[in-house]
Amino acid sequence: MKLYSAWYCPFAQRTWMSLLQKGVKFEYIETDPYDKTEQWLNTSRQTGTVPVLAPEKGNTIPGSTRTIEYLELASPNTPRLYSIDPEEKAEQSFWIDFVSEHITPYFYRFLKSQKNDDFQYESTNKLVEGLSVITQAMSNQGPYFNGNDISAVDITLFPFAYRIKLLLGFYKSFELPQQGPTWQRLNRWYTEMLTSSSFQKTIGNAKDYDQRLIQFYLPYSLGGGQANVTALAT
């Protein structure tokens, strides 16, 4: 299996973490998704975006949520990312969609905002609200979203939680609240995910990784970057 990825992309990081979490053997292929060659468009099935999984047989699979779902079905005997209970799995899928609708777009909108106006104010409030709501849905047992094991919800959320802390902190002097049970629970979850092997293996040297991310996202902080990232994304 091959993973077409880009080191900076939070969506691709989801798939990369899922492969590591499940112990699936794969070849990592660093890809520039902005280089829209005919070969790349064919590989990505005309999406021109990472991640893309290429199984040994069959079609390539683009998109982070689709690739996570595929890995769960293709490797059911490795550590599970979804519950086998239909109702619990549906609940996990709900929160994965919630990340796409209520956290991801507002992270980008806040990062790209250029002045302290109603747009930035709304983006900030919506982002904080989204994080508060999903945190309140976390297991009381913890440390992860569903309890003792990392799930697809954790993997979907964490690459963005990491960038919220790093990039919004650096470019917008933003900090999430620290006081109260909700934010203490989020911090507990964040610490566990930060130290998880499936995340650590995707970043290499942490200090260098942070500096590279900050540099890469500079155009976003100036209002540039991809034009469509403030919309719903999977």
C-alpha atoms as a PDB file:
ATOM      1  CA  MET A   1       0.000   0.000   0.000  1.00  0.00           C
ATOM      2  CA  LYS A   2       1.143   3.528  -0.787  1.00  0.00           C
ATOM      3  CA  LEU A   3       0.294   6.758   0.999  1.00  0.00           C
ATOM      4  CA  TYR A   4       0.527   9.941  -1.037  1.00  0.00           C
ATOM      5  CA  SER A   5       0.922  12.637   1.577  1.00  0.00           C
ATOM      6  CA  ALA A   6       2.306  16.092   2.285  1.00  0.00           C
ATOM      7  CA  TRP A   7       4.166  16.592   5.548  1.00  0.00           C
ATOM      8  CA  TYR A   8       2.311  19.808   6.463  1.00  0.00           C
ATOM      9  CA  CYS A   9      -1.232  18.676   5.657  1.00  0.00           C
ATOM     10  CA  PRO A  10      -3.498  17.927   8.645  1.00  0.00           C
ATOM     11  CA  PHE A  11      -5.842  15.878   6.482  1.00  0.00           C
ATOM     12  CA  ALA A  12      -3.007  13.667   5.254  1.00  0.00           C
ATOM     13  CA  GLN A  13      -1.692  13.405   8.801  1.00  0.00           C
ATOM     14  CA  ARG A  14      -4.973  11.762   9.779  1.00  0.00           C
ATOM     15  CA  THR A  15      -4.426   8.937   7.316  1.00  0.00           C
ATOM     16  CA  TRP A  16      -0.758   8.636   8.221  1.00  0.00           C
ATOM     17  CA  MET A  17      -1.631   8.327  11.917  1.00  0.00           C
ATOM     18  CA  SER A  18      -4.324   5.753  11.122  1.00  0.00           C
ATOM     19  CA  LEU A  19      -1.879   3.578   9.205  1.00  0.00           C
ATOM     20  CA  LEU A  20       0.572   3.729  12.106  1.00  0.00           C
ATOM     21  CA  GLN A  21      -2.102   3.149  14.718  1.00  0.00           C
ATOM     22  CA  LYS A  22      -3.315   0.057  12.913  1.00  0.00           C
ATOM     23  CA  GLY A  23       0.183  -1.217  12.149  1.00  0.00           C
ATOM     24  CA  VAL A  24      -0.414  -1.426   8.408  1.00  0.00           C
ATOM     25  CA  LYS A  25       2.696  -1.625   6.251  1.00  0.00           C
ATOM     26  CA  PHE A  26       2.849   1.143   3.667  1.00  0.00           C
ATOM     27  CA  GLU A  27       5.165   3.200   1.504  1.00  0.00           C
ATOM     28  CA  TYR A  28       5.121   6.911   2.273  1.00  0.00           C
ATOM     29  CA  ILE A  29       5.328   9.146  -0.809  1.00  0.00           C
ATOM     30  CA  GLU A  30       5.857  12.842  -0.147  1.00  0.00           C
ATOM     31  CA  THR A  31       3.758  14.704  -2.689  1.00  0.00           C
ATOM     32  CA  ASP A  32       3.303  18.288  -3.799  1.00  0.00           C
ATOM     33  CA  PRO A  33      -0.466  18.421  -4.327  1.00  0.00           C
ATOM     34  CA  TYR A  34      -0.175  21.897  -5.876  1.00  0.00           C
ATOM     35  CA  ASP A  35       1.741  20.447  -8.830  1.00  0.00           C
ATOM     36  CA  LYS A  36      -1.274  19.395 -10.879  1.00  0.00           C
ATOM     37  CA  THR A  37       0.443  17.044 -13.292  1.00  0.00           C
ATOM     38  CA  GLU A  38      -1.649  14.667 -15.340  1.00  0.00           C
ATOM     39  CA  GLN A  39      -0.164  11.749 -13.402  1.00  0.00           C
ATOM     40  CA  TRP A  40      -1.016  13.302 -10.036  1.00  0.00           C
ATOM     41  CA  LEU A  41      -4.560  14.188 -11.102  1.00  0.00           C
ATOM     42  CA  ASN A  42      -5.060  10.598 -12.269  1.00  0.00           C
ATOM     43  CA  THR A  43      -3.620   9.205  -9.025  1.00  0.00           C
ATOM     44  CA  SER A  44      -5.795  11.510  -6.916  1.00  0.00           C
ATOM     45  CA  ARG A  45      -8.819  10.843  -9.129  1.00  0.00           C
ATOM     46  CA  GLN A  46      -8.943  14.475 -10.219  1.00  0.00           C
ATOM     47  CA  THR A  47      -9.115  15.823  -6.665  1.00  0.00           C
ATOM     48  CA  GLY A  48      -5.527  17.070  -6.697  1.00  0.00           C
ATOM     49  CA  THR A  49      -5.404  16.774  -2.923  1.00  0.00           C
ATOM     50  CA  VAL A  50      -3.755  14.586  -0.303  1.00  0.00           C
ATOM     51  CA  PRO A  51      -4.137  12.131   1.278  1.00  0.00           C
ATOM     52  CA  VAL A  52      -4.498   9.394  -1.295  1.00  0.00           C
ATOM     53  CA  LEU A  53      -4.167   5.715  -0.479  1.00  0.00           C
ATOM     54  CA  ALA A  54      -3.160   3.304  -3.207  1.00  0.00           C
ATOM     55  CA  PRO A  55      -3.923  -0.321  -2.272  1.00  0.00           C
ATOM     56  CA  GLU A  56      -2.046  -3.054  -4.113  1.00  0.00           C
ATOM     57  CA  LYS A  57      -5.215  -3.774  -6.063  1.00  0.00           C
ATOM     58  CA  GLY A  58      -8.135  -1.620  -7.066  1.00  0.00           C
ATOM     59  CA  ASN A  59      -8.710   2.104  -7.265  1.00  0.00           C
ATOM     60  CA  THR A  60      -6.864   4.757  -5.320  1.00  0.00           C
ATOM     61  CA  ILE A  61      -8.742   6.266  -2.394  1.00  0.00           C
ATOM     62  CA  PRO A  62      -8.630  10.038  -1.829  1.00  0.00           C
ATOM     63  CA  GLY A  63      -9.760  11.912   1.286  1.00  0.00           C
ATOM     64  CA  SER A  64      -8.941  11.501   4.954  1.00  0.00           C
ATOM     65  CA  THR A  65     -12.283  10.221   6.242  1.00  0.00           C
ATOM     66  CA  ARG A  66     -12.680   7.775   3.364  1.00  0.00           C
ATOM     67  CA  THR A  67      -9.180   6.404   3.829  1.00  0.00           C
ATOM     68  CA  ILE A  68      -9.708   5.906   7.565  1.00  0.00           C
ATOM     69  CA  GLU A  69     -12.949   4.058   6.872  1.00  0.00           C
ATOM     70  CA  TYR A  70     -11.198   1.944   4.245  1.00  0.00           C
ATOM     71  CA  LEU A  71      -8.379   1.003   6.603  1.00  0.00           C
ATOM     72  CA  GLU A  72     -10.861  -0.078   9.239  1.00  0.00           C
ATOM     73  CA  LEU A  73     -12.618  -2.377   6.793  1.00  0.00           C
ATOM     74  CA  ALA A  74      -9.422  -3.639   5.157  1.00  0.00           C
ATOM     75  CA  SER A  75      -7.650  -4.356   8.464  1.00  0.00           C
ATOM     76  CA  PRO A  76     -10.418  -5.269  10.928  1.00  0.00           C
ATOM     77  CA  ASN A  77      -8.185  -7.378  13.158  1.00  0.00           C
ATOM     78  CA  THR A  78      -5.705  -4.596  13.944  1.00  0.00           C
ATOM     79  CA  PRO A  79      -6.472  -2.024  16.672  1.00  0.00           C
ATOM     80  CA  ARG A  80      -9.927  -0.744  15.856  1.00  0.00           C
ATOM     81  CA  LEU A  81     -10.602   2.918  15.127  1.00  0.00           C
ATOM     82  CA  TYR A  82     -14.373   2.503  15.075  1.00  0.00           C
ATOM     83  CA  SER A  83     -16.666   0.675  17.448  1.00  0.00           C
ATOM     84  CA  ILE A  84     -18.230  -2.595  16.294  1.00  0.00           C
ATOM     85  CA  ASP A  85     -21.480  -1.463  17.913  1.00  0.00           C
ATOM     86  CA  PRO A  86     -23.651   0.195  15.220  1.00  0.00           C
ATOM     87  CA  GLU A  87     -24.984   2.929  17.490  1.00  0.00           C
ATOM     88  CA  GLU A  88     -21.546   3.783  18.866  1.00  0.00           C
ATOM     89  CA  LYS A  89     -20.071   3.819  15.360  1.00  0.00           C
ATOM     90  CA  ALA A  90     -22.818   6.157  14.196  1.00  0.00           C
ATOM     91  CA  GLU A  91     -22.003   8.430  17.126  1.00  0.00           C
ATOM     92  CA  GLN A  92     -18.327   8.427  16.178  1.00  0.00           C
ATOM     93  CA  SER A  93     -19.237   9.338  12.607  1.00  0.00           C
ATOM     94  CA  PHE A  94     -21.377  12.187  13.917  1.00  0.00           C
ATOM     95  CA  TRP A  95     -18.433  13.703  15.756  1.00  0.00           C
ATOM     96  CA  ILE A  96     -16.114  13.228  12.789  1.00  0.00           C
ATOM     97  CA  ASP A  97     -18.584  15.241  10.711  1.00  0.00           C
ATOM     98  CA  PHE A  98     -18.771  17.753  13.561  1.00  0.00           C
ATOM     99  CA  VAL A  99     -15.031  18.392  13.278  1.00  0.00           C
ATOM    100  CA  SER A 100     -15.420  19.141   9.562  1.00  0.00           C
ATOM    101  CA  GLU A 101     -18.378  21.443  10.101  1.00  0.00           C
ATOM    102  CA  HIS A 102     -17.617  23.234  13.360  1.00  0.00           C
ATOM    103  CA  ILE A 103     -13.856  23.203  13.918  1.00  0.00           C
ATOM    104  CA  THR A 104     -11.821  22.870  10.712  1.00  0.00           C
ATOM    105  CA  PRO A 105     -13.351  25.793   8.765  1.00  0.00           C
ATOM    106  CA  TYR A 106     -13.210  28.160  11.734  1.00  0.00           C
ATOM    107  CA  PHE A 107      -9.559  27.339  12.368  1.00  0.00           C
ATOM    108  CA  TYR A 108      -8.723  28.436   8.832  1.00  0.00           C
ATOM    109  CA  ARG A 109     -11.022  31.456   8.957  1.00  0.00           C
ATOM    110  CA  PHE A 110      -9.427  32.653  12.172  1.00  0.00           C
ATOM    111  CA  LEU A 111      -5.911  32.047  10.853  1.00  0.00           C
ATOM    112  CA  LYS A 112      -6.642  33.937   7.606  1.00  0.00           C
ATOM    113  CA  SER A 113      -8.468  36.845   9.263  1.00  0.00           C
ATOM    114  CA  GLN A 114      -6.566  40.117   9.004  1.00  0.00           C
ATOM    115  CA  LYS A 115      -8.152  42.466  11.486  1.00  0.00           C
ATOM    116  CA  ASN A 116     -10.075  42.495  14.715  1.00  0.00           C
ATOM    117  CA  ASP A 117     -13.531  42.685  13.167  1.00  0.00           C
ATOM    118  CA  ASP A 118     -16.826  40.816  13.239  1.00  0.00           C
ATOM    119  CA  PHE A 119     -15.419  38.099  10.960  1.00  0.00           C
ATOM    120  CA  GLN A 120     -12.529  37.347  13.300  1.00  0.00           C
ATOM    121  CA  TYR A 121     -14.765  37.616  16.360  1.00  0.00           C
ATOM    122  CA  GLU A 122     -17.265  35.132  14.926  1.00  0.00           C
ATOM    123  CA  SER A 123     -14.513  32.751  13.787  1.00  0.00           C
ATOM    124  CA  THR A 124     -12.921  32.771  17.236  1.00  0.00           C
ATOM    125  CA  ASN A 125     -16.191  32.223  19.058  1.00  0.00           C
ATOM    126  CA  LYS A 126     -17.313  29.453  16.716  1.00  0.00           C
ATOM    127  CA  LEU A 127     -13.981  27.677  17.083  1.00  0.00           C
ATOM    128  CA  VAL A 128     -14.038  27.841  20.880  1.00  0.00           C
ATOM    129  CA  GLU A 129     -17.657  26.753  20.932  1.00  0.00           C
ATOM    130  CA  GLY A 130     -16.954  23.782  18.666  1.00  0.00           C
ATOM    131  CA  LEU A 131     -14.049  22.609  20.800  1.00  0.00           C
ATOM    132  CA  SER A 132     -16.131  22.992  23.943  1.00  0.00           C
ATOM    133  CA  VAL A 133     -19.006  20.954  22.518  1.00  0.00           C
ATOM    134  CA  ILE A 134     -16.875  18.055  21.279  1.00  0.00           C
ATOM    135  CA  THR A 135     -14.889  17.984  24.526  1.00  0.00           C
ATOM    136  CA  GLN A 136     -18.086  17.675  26.553  1.00  0.00           C
ATOM    137  CA  ALA A 137     -18.905  14.591  24.471  1.00  0.00           C
ATOM    138  CA  MET A 138     -15.646  12.875  25.448  1.00  0.00           C
ATOM    139  CA  SER A 139     -15.690   9.849  27.720  1.00  0.00           C
ATOM    140  CA  ASN A 140     -15.495  10.646  31.400  1.00  0.00           C
ATOM    141  CA  GLN A 141     -13.078   7.748  31.740  1.00  0.00           C
ATOM    142  CA  GLY A 142     -10.660   8.932  29.093  1.00  0.00           C
ATOM    143  CA  PRO A 143      -8.045   9.771  28.256  1.00  0.00           C
ATOM    144  CA  TYR A 144      -9.216   9.517  24.646  1.00  0.00           C
ATOM    145  CA  PHE A 145     -12.533  10.463  23.101  1.00  0.00           C
ATOM    146  CA  ASN A 146     -14.128   7.058  23.613  1.00  0.00           C
ATOM    147  CA  GLY A 147     -12.107   5.911  26.609  1.00  0.00           C
ATOM    148  CA  ASN A 148      -8.841   4.010  26.812  1.00  0.00           C
ATOM    149  CA  ASP A 149      -8.141   3.558  23.098  1.00  0.00           C
ATOM    150  CA  ILE A 150      -7.463   6.002  20.295  1.00  0.00           C
ATOM    151  CA  SER A 151     -10.369   6.155  17.874  1.00  0.00           C
ATOM    152  CA  ALA A 152     -11.094   7.706  14.488  1.00  0.00           C
ATOM    153  CA  VAL A 153     -12.540  10.735  16.286  1.00  0.00           C
ATOM    154  CA  ASP A 154      -9.242  11.397  18.065  1.00  0.00           C
ATOM    155  CA  ILE A 155      -7.286  11.047  14.839  1.00  0.00           C
ATOM    156  CA  THR A 156      -9.685  13.307  12.961  1.00  0.00           C
ATOM    157  CA  LEU A 157      -9.501  16.081  15.549  1.00  0.00           C
ATOM    158  CA  PHE A 158      -5.913  16.092  16.764  1.00  0.00           C
ATOM    159  CA  PRO A 159      -4.015  17.390  13.702  1.00  0.00           C
ATOM    160  CA  PHE A 160      -6.220  20.472  13.861  1.00  0.00           C
ATOM    161  CA  ALA A 161      -6.037  20.778  17.645  1.00  0.00           C
ATOM    162  CA  TYR A 162      -2.250  20.797  17.265  1.00  0.00           C
ATOM    163  CA  ARG A 163      -2.349  23.542  14.662  1.00  0.00           C
ATOM    164  CA  ILE A 164      -4.848  25.571  16.655  1.00  0.00           C
ATOM    165  CA  LYS A 165      -2.476  25.613  19.595  1.00  0.00           C
ATOM    166  CA  LEU A 166       0.686  26.200  17.564  1.00  0.00           C
ATOM    167  CA  LEU A 167      -0.361  28.431  14.686  1.00  0.00           C
ATOM    168  CA  LEU A 168      -3.132  30.489  16.251  1.00  0.00           C
ATOM    169  CA  GLY A 169      -0.928  30.933  19.287  1.00  0.00           C
ATOM    170  CA  PHE A 170       1.974  32.134  17.155  1.00  0.00           C
ATOM    171  CA  TYR A 171       0.149  34.277  14.602  1.00  0.00           C
ATOM    172  CA  LYS A 172      -2.901  35.462  16.545  1.00  0.00           C
ATOM    173  CA  SER A 173      -1.713  35.285  20.202  1.00  0.00           C
ATOM    174  CA  PHE A 174      -4.684  33.000  20.805  1.00  0.00           C
ATOM    175  CA  GLU A 175      -5.058  30.752  23.826  1.00  0.00           C
ATOM    176  CA  LEU A 176      -7.926  28.474  24.741  1.00  0.00           C
ATOM    177  CA  PRO A 177      -9.442  28.799  28.215  1.00  0.00           C
ATOM    178  CA  GLN A 178      -7.648  26.774  30.871  1.00  0.00           C
ATOM    179  CA  GLN A 179     -10.057  26.839  33.786  1.00  0.00           C
ATOM    180  CA  GLY A 180     -13.064  24.599  34.293  1.00  0.00           C
ATOM    181  CA  PRO A 181     -13.699  20.874  33.795  1.00  0.00           C
ATOM    182  CA  THR A 182     -14.279  21.121  30.040  1.00  0.00           C
ATOM    183  CA  TRP A 183     -10.931  22.738  29.292  1.00  0.00           C
ATOM    184  CA  GLN A 184      -9.103  20.558  31.795  1.00  0.00           C
ATOM    185  CA  ARG A 185     -10.546  17.532  30.000  1.00  0.00           C
ATOM    186  CA  LEU A 186      -9.407  18.910  26.657  1.00  0.00           C
ATOM    187  CA  ASN A 187      -5.902  19.458  28.012  1.00  0.00           C
ATOM    188  CA  ARG A 188      -5.787  15.898  29.323  1.00  0.00           C
ATOM    189  CA  TRP A 189      -6.844  14.576  25.931  1.00  0.00           C
ATOM    190  CA  TYR A 190      -4.382  16.857  24.120  1.00  0.00           C
ATOM    191  CA  THR A 191      -1.450  15.710  26.249  1.00  0.00           C
ATOM    192  CA  GLU A 192      -2.233  12.047  25.624  1.00  0.00           C
ATOM    193  CA  MET A 193      -2.597  12.535  21.882  1.00  0.00           C
ATOM    194  CA  LEU A 194       0.554  14.651  21.714  1.00  0.00           C
ATOM    195  CA  THR A 195       2.640  11.870  23.226  1.00  0.00           C
ATOM    196  CA  SER A 196       1.007   9.037  21.280  1.00  0.00           C
ATOM    197  CA  SER A 197       3.409   7.124  19.054  1.00  0.00           C
ATOM    198  CA  SER A 198       1.076   7.391  16.067  1.00  0.00           C
ATOM    199  CA  PHE A 199       1.388  11.178  16.204  1.00  0.00           C
ATOM    200  CA  GLN A 200       5.034  11.424  17.196  1.00  0.00           C
ATOM    201  CA  LYS A 201       6.106   9.248  14.277  1.00  0.00           C
ATOM    202  CA  THR A 202       4.542  11.718  11.834  1.00  0.00           C
ATOM    203  CA  ILE A 203       6.519  14.759  13.018  1.00  0.00           C
ATOM    204  CA  GLY A 204      10.142  13.696  13.512  1.00  0.00           C
ATOM    205  CA  ASN A 205      12.017  16.411  15.394  1.00  0.00           C
ATOM    206  CA  ALA A 206       9.254  18.342  17.167  1.00  0.00           C
ATOM    207  CA  LYS A 207      11.050  21.691  17.292  1.00  0.00           C
ATOM    208  CA  ASP A 208      11.972  21.559  13.618  1.00  0.00           C
ATOM    209  CA  TYR A 209       8.441  20.413  12.732  1.00  0.00           C
ATOM    210  CA  ASP A 210       6.889  23.375  14.541  1.00  0.00           C
ATOM    211  CA  GLN A 211       9.212  25.849  12.854  1.00  0.00           C
ATOM    212  CA  ARG A 212       8.485  24.366   9.442  1.00  0.00           C
ATOM    213  CA  LEU A 213       4.732  24.483  10.062  1.00  0.00           C
ATOM    214  CA  ILE A 214       4.904  28.102  11.179  1.00  0.00           C
ATOM    215  CA  GLN A 215       6.837  29.020   8.047  1.00  0.00           C
ATOM    216  CA  PHE A 216       4.557  27.047   5.749  1.00  0.00           C
ATOM    217  CA  TYR A 217       1.392  28.643   7.132  1.00  0.00           C
ATOM    218  CA  LEU A 218       2.725  32.196   6.926  1.00  0.00           C
ATOM    219  CA  PRO A 219       0.732  32.931   3.723  1.00  0.00           C
ATOM    220  CA  TYR A 220      -2.440  31.768   5.472  1.00  0.00           C
ATOM    221  CA  SER A 221      -1.783  34.110   8.380  1.00  0.00           C
ATOM    222  CA  LEU A 222      -1.549  36.954   5.835  1.00  0.00           C
ATOM    223  CA  GLY A 223      -4.909  36.070   4.326  1.00  0.00           C
ATOM    224  CA  GLY A 224      -3.565  33.915   1.471  1.00  0.00           C
ATOM    225  CA  GLY A 225      -3.054  30.196   1.136  1.00  0.00           C
ATOM    226  CA  GLN A 226      -5.624  27.892  -0.392  1.00  0.00           C
ATOM    227  CA  ALA A 227      -8.864  29.652  -1.243  1.00  0.00           C
ATOM    228  CA  ASN A 228     -11.223  26.830  -0.301  1.00  0.00           C
ATOM    229  CA  VAL A 229      -9.947  25.714   3.107  1.00  0.00           C
ATOM    230  CA  THR A 230     -12.517  27.769   5.009  1.00  0.00           C
ATOM    231  CA  ALA A 231     -15.275  25.567   3.622  1.00  0.00           C
ATOM    232  CA  LEU A 232     -16.235  22.127   4.873  1.00  0.00           C
ATOM    233  CA  ALA A 233     -13.432  19.666   4.268  1.00  0.00           C
ATOM    234  CA  THR A 234     -12.901  15.938   4.827  1.00  0.00           C
END
